[in-house]
PDB file of N, CA and C in Angstrom:
ATOM      1  N   MET A   1      95.732  71.593  89.033  1.00  0.00           N
ATOM      2  CA  MET A   1      95.932  72.644  88.060  1.00  0.00           C
ATOM      3  C   MET A   1      96.201  73.959  88.761  1.00  0.00           C
ATOM      4  N   ALA A   2      95.630  74.155  89.922  1.00  0.00           N
ATOM      5  CA  ALA A   2      95.833  75.407  90.654  1.00  0.00           C
ATOM      6  C   ALA A   2      97.293  75.594  91.056  1.00  0.00           C
ATOM      7  N   GLU A   3      98.030  74.495  91.186  1.00  0.00           N
ATOM      8  CA  GLU A   3      99.462  74.606  91.514  1.00  0.00           C
ATOM      9  C   GLU A   3     100.311  74.860  90.275  1.00  0.00           C
ATOM     10  N   LEU A   4      99.813  74.494  89.093  1.00  0.00           N
ATOM     11  CA  LEU A   4     100.570  74.681  87.866  1.00  0.00           C
ATOM     12  C   LEU A   4     100.413  76.086  87.291  1.00  0.00           C
ATOM     13  N   THR A   5      99.247  76.660  87.449  1.00  0.00           N
ATOM     14  CA  THR A   5      98.980  77.989  86.905  1.00  0.00           C
ATOM     15  C   THR A   5      98.003  78.724  87.814  1.00  0.00           C
ATOM     16  N   GLU A   6      98.054  80.019  87.789  1.00  0.00           N
ATOM     17  CA  GLU A   6      97.137  80.819  88.594  1.00  0.00           C
ATOM     18  C   GLU A   6      95.909  81.244  87.798  1.00  0.00           C
ATOM     19  N   SER A   7      95.798  80.814  86.561  1.00  0.00           N
ATOM     20  CA  SER A   7      94.683  81.189  85.701  1.00  0.00           C
ATOM     21  C   SER A   7      93.411  80.444  86.116  1.00  0.00           C
ATOM     22  N   ALA A   8      92.373  81.201  86.413  1.00  0.00           N
ATOM     23  CA  ALA A   8      91.093  80.588  86.773  1.00  0.00           C
ATOM     24  C   ALA A   8      90.497  79.841  85.583  1.00  0.00           C
ATOM     25  N   MET A   9      90.779  80.321  84.386  1.00  0.00           N
ATOM     26  CA  MET A   9      90.255  79.665  83.191  1.00  0.00           C
ATOM     27  C   MET A   9      90.839  78.259  83.026  1.00  0.00           C
ATOM     28  N   MET A  10      92.136  78.093  83.294  1.00  0.00           N
ATOM     29  CA  MET A  10      92.747  76.777  83.180  1.00  0.00           C
ATOM     30  C   MET A  10      92.194  75.812  84.221  1.00  0.00           C
ATOM     31  N   VAL A  11      91.925  76.315  85.406  1.00  0.00           N
ATOM     32  CA  VAL A  11      91.334  75.470  86.450  1.00  0.00           C
ATOM     33  C   VAL A  11      89.932  75.032  86.030  1.00  0.00           C
ATOM     34  N   ALA A  12      89.169  75.940  85.437  1.00  0.00           N
ATOM     35  CA  ALA A  12      87.819  75.605  84.973  1.00  0.00           C
ATOM     36  C   ALA A  12      87.864  74.641  83.791  1.00  0.00           C
ATOM     37  N   LEU A  13      88.907  74.722  82.981  1.00  0.00           N
ATOM     38  CA  LEU A  13      89.038  73.812  81.844  1.00  0.00           C
ATOM     39  C   LEU A  13      89.194  72.363  82.279  1.00  0.00           C
ATOM     40  N   VAL A  14      89.760  72.127  83.434  1.00  0.00           N
ATOM     41  CA  VAL A  14      89.895  70.750  83.934  1.00  0.00           C
ATOM     42  C   VAL A  14      88.511  70.130  84.115  1.00  0.00           C
ATOM     43  N   GLN A  15      87.588  70.871  84.696  1.00  0.00           N
ATOM     44  CA  GLN A  15      86.225  70.363  84.869  1.00  0.00           C
ATOM     45  C   GLN A  15      85.529  70.194  83.522  1.00  0.00           C
ATOM     46  N   THR A  16      85.766  71.119  82.627  1.00  0.00           N
ATOM     47  CA  THR A  16      85.172  71.019  81.295  1.00  0.00           C
ATOM     48  C   THR A  16      85.694  69.789  80.558  1.00  0.00           C
ATOM     49  N   VAL A  17      86.988  69.567  80.633  1.00  0.00           N
ATOM     50  CA  VAL A  17      87.594  68.410  79.975  1.00  0.00           C
ATOM     51  C   VAL A  17      87.103  67.114  80.601  1.00  0.00           C
ATOM     52  N   ALA A  18      86.845  67.114  81.883  1.00  0.00           N
ATOM     53  CA  ALA A  18      86.346  65.910  82.557  1.00  0.00           C
ATOM     54  C   ALA A  18      84.884  65.622  82.197  1.00  0.00           C
ATOM     55  N   THR A  19      84.146  66.649  81.795  1.00  0.00           N
ATOM     56  CA  THR A  19      82.743  66.475  81.441  1.00  0.00           C
ATOM     57  C   THR A  19      82.557  66.182  79.961  1.00  0.00           C
ATOM     58  N   LEU A  20      83.485  66.580  79.146  1.00  0.00           N
ATOM     59  CA  LEU A  20      83.352  66.478  77.700  1.00  0.00           C
ATOM     60  C   LEU A  20      83.282  65.052  77.143  1.00  0.00           C
ATOM     61  N   PRO A  21      84.120  64.113  77.545  1.00  0.00           N
ATOM     62  CA  PRO A  21      84.066  62.767  76.938  1.00  0.00           C
ATOM     63  C   PRO A  21      82.723  62.049  77.071  1.00  0.00           C
ATOM     64  N   PRO A  22      82.062  62.080  78.231  1.00  0.00           N
ATOM     65  CA  PRO A  22      80.751  61.419  78.261  1.00  0.00           C
ATOM     66  C   PRO A  22      79.749  62.041  77.293  1.00  0.00           C
ATOM     67  N   VAL A  23      79.826  63.345  77.114  1.00  0.00           N
ATOM     68  CA  VAL A  23      78.924  64.007  76.175  1.00  0.00           C
ATOM     69  C   VAL A  23      79.252  63.591  74.738  1.00  0.00           C
ATOM     70  N   LEU A  24      80.527  63.538  74.407  1.00  0.00           N
ATOM     71  CA  LEU A  24      80.938  63.231  73.040  1.00  0.00           C
ATOM     72  C   LEU A  24      80.796  61.756  72.675  1.00  0.00           C
ATOM     73  N   PHE A  25      81.125  60.868  73.603  1.00  0.00           N
ATOM     74  CA  PHE A  25      81.258  59.455  73.268  1.00  0.00           C
ATOM     75  C   PHE A  25      80.140  58.556  73.780  1.00  0.00           C
ATOM     76  N   SER A  26      79.131  59.081  74.454  1.00  0.00           N
ATOM     77  CA  SER A  26      78.139  58.216  75.093  1.00  0.00           C
ATOM     78  C   SER A  26      77.341  57.388  74.083  1.00  0.00           C
ATOM     79  N   VAL A  27      76.952  57.977  72.970  1.00  0.00           N
ATOM     80  CA  VAL A  27      76.160  57.230  71.985  1.00  0.00           C
ATOM     81  C   VAL A  27      77.005  56.131  71.339  1.00  0.00           C
ATOM     82  N   VAL A  28      78.227  56.462  70.948  1.00  0.00           N
ATOM     83  CA  VAL A  28      79.108  55.471  70.323  1.00  0.00           C
ATOM     84  C   VAL A  28      79.471  54.372  71.316  1.00  0.00           C
ATOM     85  N   ALA A  29      79.783  54.751  72.549  1.00  0.00           N
ATOM     86  CA  ALA A  29      80.148  53.758  73.562  1.00  0.00           C
ATOM     87  C   ALA A  29      78.966  52.844  73.887  1.00  0.00           C
ATOM     88  N   GLY A  30      77.778  53.396  73.918  1.00  0.00           N
ATOM     89  CA  GLY A  30      76.597  52.567  74.162  1.00  0.00           C
ATOM     90  C   GLY A  30      76.369  51.565  73.041  1.00  0.00           C
ATOM     91  N   GLY A  31      76.565  52.016  71.819  1.00  0.00           N
ATOM     92  CA  GLY A  31      76.427  51.103  70.682  1.00  0.00           C
ATOM     93  C   GLY A  31      77.461  50.002  70.698  1.00  0.00           C
ATOM     94  N   LEU A  32      78.705  50.366  71.024  1.00  0.00           N
ATOM     95  CA  LEU A  32      79.756  49.349  71.114  1.00  0.00           C
ATOM     96  C   LEU A  32      79.489  48.370  72.248  1.00  0.00           C
ATOM     97  N   ALA A  33      78.982  48.871  73.354  1.00  0.00           N
ATOM     98  CA  ALA A  33      78.695  47.984  74.488  1.00  0.00           C
ATOM     99  C   ALA A  33      77.572  47.004  74.156  1.00  0.00           C
ATOM    100  N   ASP A  34      76.649  47.410  73.289  1.00  0.00           N
ATOM    101  CA  ASP A  34      75.578  46.499  72.886  1.00  0.00           C
ATOM    102  C   ASP A  34      76.067  45.440  71.907  1.00  0.00           C
ATOM    103  N   VAL A  35      76.998  45.820  71.039  1.00  0.00           N
ATOM    104  CA  VAL A  35      77.466  44.901  69.994  1.00  0.00           C
ATOM    105  C   VAL A  35      78.559  43.978  70.523  1.00  0.00           C
ATOM    106  N   LEU A  36      79.493  44.523  71.288  1.00  0.00           N
ATOM    107  CA  LEU A  36      80.631  43.749  71.782  1.00  0.00           C
ATOM    108  C   LEU A  36      80.315  43.152  73.153  1.00  0.00           C
ATOM    109  N   ASP A  37      81.188  42.271  73.583  1.00  0.00           N
ATOM    110  CA  ASP A  37      81.076  41.673  74.911  1.00  0.00           C
ATOM    111  C   ASP A  37      81.280  42.761  75.968  1.00  0.00           C
ATOM    112  N   ARG A  38      80.291  42.982  76.809  1.00  0.00           N
ATOM    113  CA  ARG A  38      80.358  44.068  77.792  1.00  0.00           C
ATOM    114  C   ARG A  38      81.512  43.897  78.768  1.00  0.00           C
ATOM    115  N   ARG A  39      81.794  42.676  79.117  1.00  0.00           N
ATOM    116  CA  ARG A  39      82.909  42.419  80.033  1.00  0.00           C
ATOM    117  C   ARG A  39      84.226  42.857  79.405  1.00  0.00           C
ATOM    118  N   LEU A  40      84.414  42.550  78.146  1.00  0.00           N
ATOM    119  CA  LEU A  40      85.624  42.940  77.432  1.00  0.00           C
ATOM    120  C   LEU A  40      85.724  44.461  77.310  1.00  0.00           C
ATOM    121  N   VAL A  41      84.610  45.114  77.032  1.00  0.00           N
ATOM    122  CA  VAL A  41      84.595  46.576  76.931  1.00  0.00           C
ATOM    123  C   VAL A  41      84.997  47.198  78.269  1.00  0.00           C
ATOM    124  N   MET A  42      84.480  46.663  79.358  1.00  0.00           N
ATOM    125  CA  MET A  42      84.813  47.199  80.683  1.00  0.00           C
ATOM    126  C   MET A  42      86.281  46.959  81.032  1.00  0.00           C
ATOM    127  N   ILE A  43      86.798  45.794  80.672  1.00  0.00           N
ATOM    128  CA  ILE A  43      88.210  45.497  80.955  1.00  0.00           C
ATOM    129  C   ILE A  43      89.112  46.438  80.171  1.00  0.00           C
ATOM    130  N   VAL A  44      88.811  46.642  78.895  1.00  0.00           N
ATOM    131  CA  VAL A  44      89.620  47.548  78.073  1.00  0.00           C
ATOM    132  C   VAL A  44      89.552  48.969  78.623  1.00  0.00           C
ATOM    133  N   ALA A  45      88.364  49.408  79.019  1.00  0.00           N
ATOM    134  CA  ALA A  45      88.211  50.757  79.562  1.00  0.00           C
ATOM    135  C   ALA A  45      88.997  50.921  80.865  1.00  0.00           C
ATOM    136  N   GLN A  46      88.910  49.938  81.746  1.00  0.00           N
ATOM    137  CA  GLN A  46      89.617  50.028  83.029  1.00  0.00           C
ATOM    138  C   GLN A  46      91.130  49.983  82.845  1.00  0.00           C
ATOM    139  N   VAL A  47      91.599  49.129  81.949  1.00  0.00           N
ATOM    140  CA  VAL A  47      93.042  49.032  81.708  1.00  0.00           C
ATOM    141  C   VAL A  47      93.561  50.328  81.082  1.00  0.00           C
ATOM    142  N   SER A  48      92.797  50.895  80.155  1.00  0.00           N
ATOM    143  CA  SER A  48      93.243  52.150  79.539  1.00  0.00           C
ATOM    144  C   SER A  48      93.248  53.292  80.555  1.00  0.00           C
ATOM    145  N   MET A  49      92.249  53.346  81.424  1.00  0.00           N
ATOM    146  CA  MET A  49      92.230  54.381  82.464  1.00  0.00           C
ATOM    147  C   MET A  49      93.397  54.206  83.433  1.00  0.00           C
ATOM    148  N   PHE A  50      93.729  52.952  83.755  1.00  0.00           N
ATOM    149  CA  PHE A  50      94.871  52.694  84.625  1.00  0.00           C
ATOM    150  C   PHE A  50      96.167  53.141  83.963  1.00  0.00           C
ATOM    151  N   GLY A  51      96.317  52.829  82.681  1.00  0.00           N
ATOM    152  CA  GLY A  51      97.532  53.211  81.961  1.00  0.00           C
ATOM    153  C   GLY A  51      97.714  54.722  81.904  1.00  0.00           C
ATOM    154  N   VAL A  52      96.649  55.435  81.603  1.00  0.00           N
ATOM    155  CA  VAL A  52      96.739  56.894  81.546  1.00  0.00           C
ATOM    156  C   VAL A  52      96.992  57.464  82.944  1.00  0.00           C
ATOM    157  N   SER A  53      96.367  56.886  83.956  1.00  0.00           N
ATOM    158  CA  SER A  53      96.607  57.344  85.324  1.00  0.00           C
ATOM    159  C   SER A  53      98.049  57.099  85.748  1.00  0.00           C
ATOM    160  N   LEU A  54      98.614  55.998  85.301  1.00  0.00           N
ATOM    161  CA  LEU A  54     100.009  55.700  85.597  1.00  0.00           C
ATOM    162  C   LEU A  54     100.930  56.719  84.929  1.00  0.00           C
ATOM    163  N   VAL A  55     100.642  57.072  83.688  1.00  0.00           N
ATOM    164  CA  VAL A  55     101.420  58.107  82.999  1.00  0.00           C
ATOM    165  C   VAL A  55     101.297  59.433  83.737  1.00  0.00           C
ATOM    166  N   LEU A  56     100.089  59.759  84.173  1.00  0.00           N
ATOM    167  CA  LEU A  56      99.868  60.991  84.937  1.00  0.00           C
ATOM    168  C   LEU A  56     100.674  60.988  86.226  1.00  0.00           C
ATOM    169  N   PHE A  57     100.698  59.861  86.921  1.00  0.00           N
ATOM    170  CA  PHE A  57     101.464  59.746  88.154  1.00  0.00           C
ATOM    171  C   PHE A  57     102.962  59.927  87.909  1.00  0.00           C
ATOM    172  N   VAL A  58     103.468  59.245  86.885  1.00  0.00           N
ATOM    173  CA  VAL A  58     104.907  59.320  86.587  1.00  0.00           C
ATOM    174  C   VAL A  58     105.298  60.740  86.176  1.00  0.00           C
ATOM    175  N   MET A  59     104.491  61.353  85.330  1.00  0.00           N
ATOM    176  CA  MET A  59     104.805  62.720  84.909  1.00  0.00           C
ATOM    177  C   MET A  59     104.765  63.680  86.087  1.00  0.00           C
ATOM    178  N   SER A  60     103.826  63.481  87.001  1.00  0.00           N
ATOM    179  CA  SER A  60     103.734  64.331  88.180  1.00  0.00           C
ATOM    180  C   SER A  60     104.923  64.105  89.106  1.00  0.00           C
ATOM    181  N   ALA A  61     105.307  62.855  89.286  1.00  0.00           N
ATOM    182  CA  ALA A  61     106.434  62.545  90.165  1.00  0.00           C
ATOM    183  C   ALA A  61     107.749  63.089  89.622  1.00  0.00           C
ATOM    184  N   MET A  62     107.870  63.141  88.292  1.00  0.00           N
ATOM    185  CA  MET A  62     109.090  63.635  87.671  1.00  0.00           C
ATOM    186  C   MET A  62     109.025  65.131  87.362  1.00  0.00           C
ATOM    187  N   SER A  63     107.965  65.783  87.805  1.00  0.00           N
ATOM    188  CA  SER A  63     107.743  67.220  87.575  1.00  0.00           C
ATOM    189  C   SER A  63     107.751  67.581  86.095  1.00  0.00           C
ATOM    190  N   LEU A  64     107.176  66.725  85.287  1.00  0.00           N
ATOM    191  CA  LEU A  64     107.076  66.970  83.851  1.00  0.00           C
ATOM    192  C   LEU A  64     105.685  67.436  83.438  1.00  0.00           C
ATOM    193  N   LEU A  65     104.809  67.594  84.403  1.00  0.00           N
ATOM    194  CA  LEU A  65     103.421  67.921  84.119  1.00  0.00           C
ATOM    195  C   LEU A  65     103.277  69.412  83.840  1.00  0.00           C
ATOM    196  N   ASN A  66     102.640  69.732  82.729  1.00  0.00           N
ATOM    197  CA  ASN A  66     102.307  71.117  82.431  1.00  0.00           C
ATOM    198  C   ASN A  66     100.801  71.197  82.219  1.00  0.00           C
ATOM    199  N   PRO A  67     100.228  72.390  82.126  1.00  0.00           N
ATOM    200  CA  PRO A  67      98.767  72.491  82.017  1.00  0.00           C
ATOM    201  C   PRO A  67      98.166  71.758  80.814  1.00  0.00           C
ATOM    202  N   VAL A  68      98.831  71.816  79.676  1.00  0.00           N
ATOM    203  CA  VAL A  68      98.290  71.161  78.481  1.00  0.00           C
ATOM    204  C   VAL A  68      98.296  69.640  78.641  1.00  0.00           C
ATOM    205  N   SER A  69      99.382  69.083  79.154  1.00  0.00           N
ATOM    206  CA  SER A  69      99.430  67.632  79.333  1.00  0.00           C
ATOM    207  C   SER A  69      98.434  67.179  80.395  1.00  0.00           C
ATOM    208  N   LEU A  70      98.226  67.987  81.419  1.00  0.00           N
ATOM    209  CA  LEU A  70      97.228  67.645  82.435  1.00  0.00           C
ATOM    210  C   LEU A  70      95.834  67.615  81.831  1.00  0.00           C
ATOM    211  N   LEU A  71      95.516  68.589  80.997  1.00  0.00           N
ATOM    212  CA  LEU A  71      94.202  68.609  80.351  1.00  0.00           C
ATOM    213  C   LEU A  71      94.043  67.410  79.420  1.00  0.00           C
ATOM    214  N   LEU A  72      95.065  67.084  78.656  1.00  0.00           N
ATOM    215  CA  LEU A  72      94.995  65.942  77.752  1.00  0.00           C
ATOM    216  C   LEU A  72      94.820  64.636  78.518  1.00  0.00           C
ATOM    217  N   LEU A  73      95.602  64.452  79.578  1.00  0.00           N
ATOM    218  CA  LEU A  73      95.497  63.220  80.364  1.00  0.00           C
ATOM    219  C   LEU A  73      94.174  63.134  81.105  1.00  0.00           C
ATOM    220  N   ALA A  74      93.656  64.254  81.579  1.00  0.00           N
ATOM    221  CA  ALA A  74      92.335  64.254  82.220  1.00  0.00           C
ATOM    222  C   ALA A  74      91.255  63.846  81.217  1.00  0.00           C
ATOM    223  N   PHE A  75      91.366  64.343  79.992  1.00  0.00           N
ATOM    224  CA  PHE A  75      90.420  63.957  78.945  1.00  0.00           C
ATOM    225  C   PHE A  75      90.486  62.457  78.680  1.00  0.00           C
ATOM    226  N   LEU A  76      91.698  61.917  78.595  1.00  0.00           N
ATOM    227  CA  LEU A  76      91.855  60.487  78.300  1.00  0.00           C
ATOM    228  C   LEU A  76      91.366  59.609  79.444  1.00  0.00           C
ATOM    229  N   VAL A  77      91.623  60.020  80.681  1.00  0.00           N
ATOM    230  CA  VAL A  77      91.143  59.227  81.827  1.00  0.00           C
ATOM    231  C   VAL A  77      89.622  59.211  81.853  1.00  0.00           C
ATOM    232  N   THR A  78      89.022  60.364  81.625  1.00  0.00           N
ATOM    233  CA  THR A  78      87.557  60.441  81.658  1.00  0.00           C
ATOM    234  C   THR A  78      86.937  59.727  80.464  1.00  0.00           C
ATOM    235  N   SER A  79      87.673  59.607  79.371  1.00  0.00           N
ATOM    236  CA  SER A  79      87.147  58.893  78.198  1.00  0.00           C
ATOM    237  C   SER A  79      86.917  57.421  78.496  1.00  0.00           C
ATOM    238  N   GLY A  80      87.610  56.877  79.463  1.00  0.00           N
ATOM    239  CA  GLY A  80      87.429  55.472  79.837  1.00  0.00           C
ATOM    240  C   GLY A  80      86.143  55.205  80.582  1.00  0.00           C
ATOM    241  N   ASN A  81      85.520  56.242  81.092  1.00  0.00           N
ATOM    242  CA  ASN A  81      84.238  56.046  81.797  1.00  0.00           C
ATOM    243  C   ASN A  81      83.190  55.827  80.775  1.00  0.00           C
TER     244      ASN A  81
END
């Protein structure tokens, strides 16, 4: 993010976005992990994180990454944890 913008607030938002999904989804994810097959939940989470990471890589390689898309993709990658 520091290469995309010089705003300290945007750089700090990356850390905030990376911390937000565990806070928001931990109770729901724990309930789903208890009800559903844990192996299946882990496979879905890992595959989704890989897919979002692949999109992040492609967008970065093609220089299509902007601060908003980086924040959104960071949120989605962290949501898989």
